[in-house]
Amino acid sequence: MLENGKEYCTCKRKKCPRHGDCKACLEHHRLNSRYLPYCKRKKSRGEKADS
């Protein structure tokens, strides 16, 4: 199970070398990014929740 509570990565950046590797992704965003990882962002108003 991944950090997002799902069995698969919900990030839309499929070509990212960290896609599906939550530990590496969270570390990258903690050190190098001003944005939260895709799975940790708040859902926008128009975006449907994953079920």
N, C-alpha and C. Protein backbone atom coordinates (compact mmCIF):
# COMPACT_ATOMS: atom_id res chain seq x y z
N MET A 1 0.85 -1.18 0.00
CA MET A 1 0.00 0.00 0.00
C MET A 1 0.89 1.24 0.00
N LEU A 2 0.51 2.23 -0.78
CA LEU A 2 1.28 3.45 -0.90
C LEU A 2 0.87 4.48 0.15
N GLU A 3 1.62 5.55 0.21
CA GLU A 3 1.39 6.64 1.15
C GLU A 3 0.00 7.27 1.00
N ASN A 4 -0.54 7.24 -0.21
CA ASN A 4 -1.84 7.85 -0.47
C ASN A 4 -3.00 6.94 -0.05
N GLY A 5 -2.70 5.77 0.49
CA GLY A 5 -3.73 4.84 0.93
C GLY A 5 -4.28 3.96 -0.18
N LYS A 6 -3.74 4.08 -1.37
CA LYS A 6 -4.19 3.31 -2.52
C LYS A 6 -3.16 2.24 -2.86
N GLU A 7 -3.52 1.39 -3.79
CA GLU A 7 -2.61 0.36 -4.26
C GLU A 7 -1.77 0.86 -5.44
N TYR A 8 -2.07 2.06 -5.94
CA TYR A 8 -1.37 2.61 -7.09
C TYR A 8 -1.08 4.09 -6.86
N CYS A 9 -0.13 4.62 -7.58
CA CYS A 9 0.26 6.02 -7.47
C CYS A 9 -0.75 6.88 -8.23
N THR A 10 -1.25 7.94 -7.60
CA THR A 10 -2.25 8.80 -8.23
C THR A 10 -1.63 10.00 -8.94
N CYS A 11 -0.33 10.10 -8.93
CA CYS A 11 0.34 11.23 -9.58
C CYS A 11 0.14 11.17 -11.09
N LYS A 12 -0.09 12.34 -11.69
CA LYS A 12 -0.33 12.38 -13.13
C LYS A 12 0.96 12.41 -13.95
N ARG A 13 2.11 12.54 -13.28
CA ARG A 13 3.39 12.56 -13.98
C ARG A 13 3.94 11.14 -14.11
N LYS A 14 3.47 10.44 -15.11
CA LYS A 14 3.81 9.01 -15.29
C LYS A 14 5.27 8.78 -15.64
N LYS A 15 5.93 9.73 -16.24
CA LYS A 15 7.33 9.56 -16.66
C LYS A 15 8.33 9.93 -15.57
N CYS A 16 7.86 10.40 -14.44
CA CYS A 16 8.74 10.78 -13.35
C CYS A 16 9.48 9.55 -12.83
N PRO A 17 10.78 9.66 -12.57
CA PRO A 17 11.53 8.49 -12.07
C PRO A 17 11.07 8.05 -10.68
N ARG A 18 10.38 8.90 -9.96
CA ARG A 18 9.89 8.56 -8.62
C ARG A 18 8.44 8.10 -8.62
N HIS A 19 7.80 7.99 -9.78
CA HIS A 19 6.40 7.57 -9.87
C HIS A 19 6.22 6.19 -9.24
N GLY A 20 5.36 6.11 -8.24
CA GLY A 20 5.11 4.84 -7.56
C GLY A 20 6.03 4.57 -6.39
N ASP A 21 7.03 5.41 -6.17
CA ASP A 21 7.97 5.25 -5.07
C ASP A 21 7.74 6.40 -4.08
N CYS A 22 6.79 6.22 -3.18
CA CYS A 22 6.37 7.29 -2.27
C CYS A 22 7.51 7.84 -1.42
N LYS A 23 8.34 6.97 -0.92
CA LYS A 23 9.43 7.41 -0.04
C LYS A 23 10.35 8.38 -0.77
N ALA A 24 10.76 8.03 -1.98
CA ALA A 24 11.65 8.89 -2.76
C ALA A 24 10.94 10.17 -3.17
N CYS A 25 9.68 10.09 -3.52
CA CYS A 25 8.91 11.26 -3.93
C CYS A 25 8.75 12.24 -2.77
N LEU A 26 8.37 11.75 -1.61
CA LEU A 26 8.19 12.63 -0.45
C LEU A 26 9.50 13.29 -0.06
N GLU A 27 10.59 12.55 -0.13
CA GLU A 27 11.91 13.11 0.19
C GLU A 27 12.29 14.20 -0.82
N HIS A 28 12.04 13.94 -2.10
CA HIS A 28 12.32 14.92 -3.15
C HIS A 28 11.54 16.21 -2.90
N HIS A 29 10.27 16.10 -2.60
CA HIS A 29 9.44 17.29 -2.38
C HIS A 29 9.82 18.00 -1.08
N ARG A 30 10.28 17.27 -0.10
CA ARG A 30 10.71 17.89 1.15
C ARG A 30 11.97 18.73 0.94
N LEU A 31 12.88 18.22 0.11
CA LEU A 31 14.17 18.89 -0.09
C LEU A 31 14.19 19.89 -1.24
N ASN A 32 13.53 19.59 -2.35
CA ASN A 32 13.77 20.32 -3.59
C ASN A 32 12.58 21.04 -4.19
N SER A 33 11.44 20.98 -3.57
CA SER A 33 10.27 21.47 -4.27
C SER A 33 9.47 22.43 -3.40
N ARG A 34 8.87 23.41 -4.04
CA ARG A 34 8.00 24.33 -3.31
C ARG A 34 6.56 23.84 -3.33
N TYR A 35 6.30 22.76 -4.04
CA TYR A 35 4.96 22.19 -4.13
C TYR A 35 4.85 20.92 -3.31
N LEU A 36 3.65 20.63 -2.86
CA LEU A 36 3.39 19.34 -2.21
C LEU A 36 3.32 18.26 -3.26
N PRO A 37 3.60 17.02 -2.89
CA PRO A 37 3.41 15.92 -3.84
C PRO A 37 1.94 15.86 -4.27
N TYR A 38 1.70 15.36 -5.44
CA TYR A 38 0.35 15.31 -6.00
C TYR A 38 -0.64 14.64 -5.06
N CYS A 39 -0.22 13.57 -4.40
CA CYS A 39 -1.13 12.83 -3.53
C CYS A 39 -1.43 13.55 -2.22
N LYS A 40 -0.66 14.59 -1.88
CA LYS A 40 -0.85 15.33 -0.63
C LYS A 40 -1.57 16.66 -0.83
N ARG A 41 -1.80 17.05 -2.07
CA ARG A 41 -2.46 18.32 -2.35
C ARG A 41 -3.95 18.23 -2.06
N LYS A 42 -4.53 19.38 -1.72
CA LYS A 42 -5.98 19.43 -1.53
C LYS A 42 -6.64 19.28 -2.90
N LYS A 43 -7.77 18.64 -2.92
CA LYS A 43 -8.51 18.47 -4.16
C LYS A 43 -9.11 19.82 -4.57
N SER A 44 -8.98 20.16 -5.85
CA SER A 44 -9.57 21.40 -6.32
C SER A 44 -11.08 21.22 -6.47
N ARG A 45 -11.77 22.30 -6.61
CA ARG A 45 -13.23 22.24 -6.64
C ARG A 45 -13.76 21.39 -7.79
N GLY A 46 -13.15 21.47 -8.96
CA GLY A 46 -13.62 20.74 -10.13
C GLY A 46 -13.13 19.30 -10.21
N GLU A 47 -12.20 18.92 -9.35
CA GLU A 47 -11.60 17.60 -9.40
C GLU A 47 -12.44 16.59 -8.62
N LYS A 48 -12.68 15.44 -9.22
CA LYS A 48 -13.46 14.40 -8.57
C LYS A 48 -12.57 13.60 -7.62
N ALA A 49 -13.15 13.18 -6.52
CA ALA A 49 -12.42 12.36 -5.55
C ALA A 49 -12.29 10.94 -6.09
N ASP A 50 -11.12 10.33 -5.87
CA ASP A 50 -10.90 8.92 -6.25
C ASP A 50 -11.65 8.01 -5.29
N SER A 51 -12.34 7.03 -5.83
CA SER A 51 -13.05 6.07 -4.97
C SER A 51 -12.46 4.70 -5.07
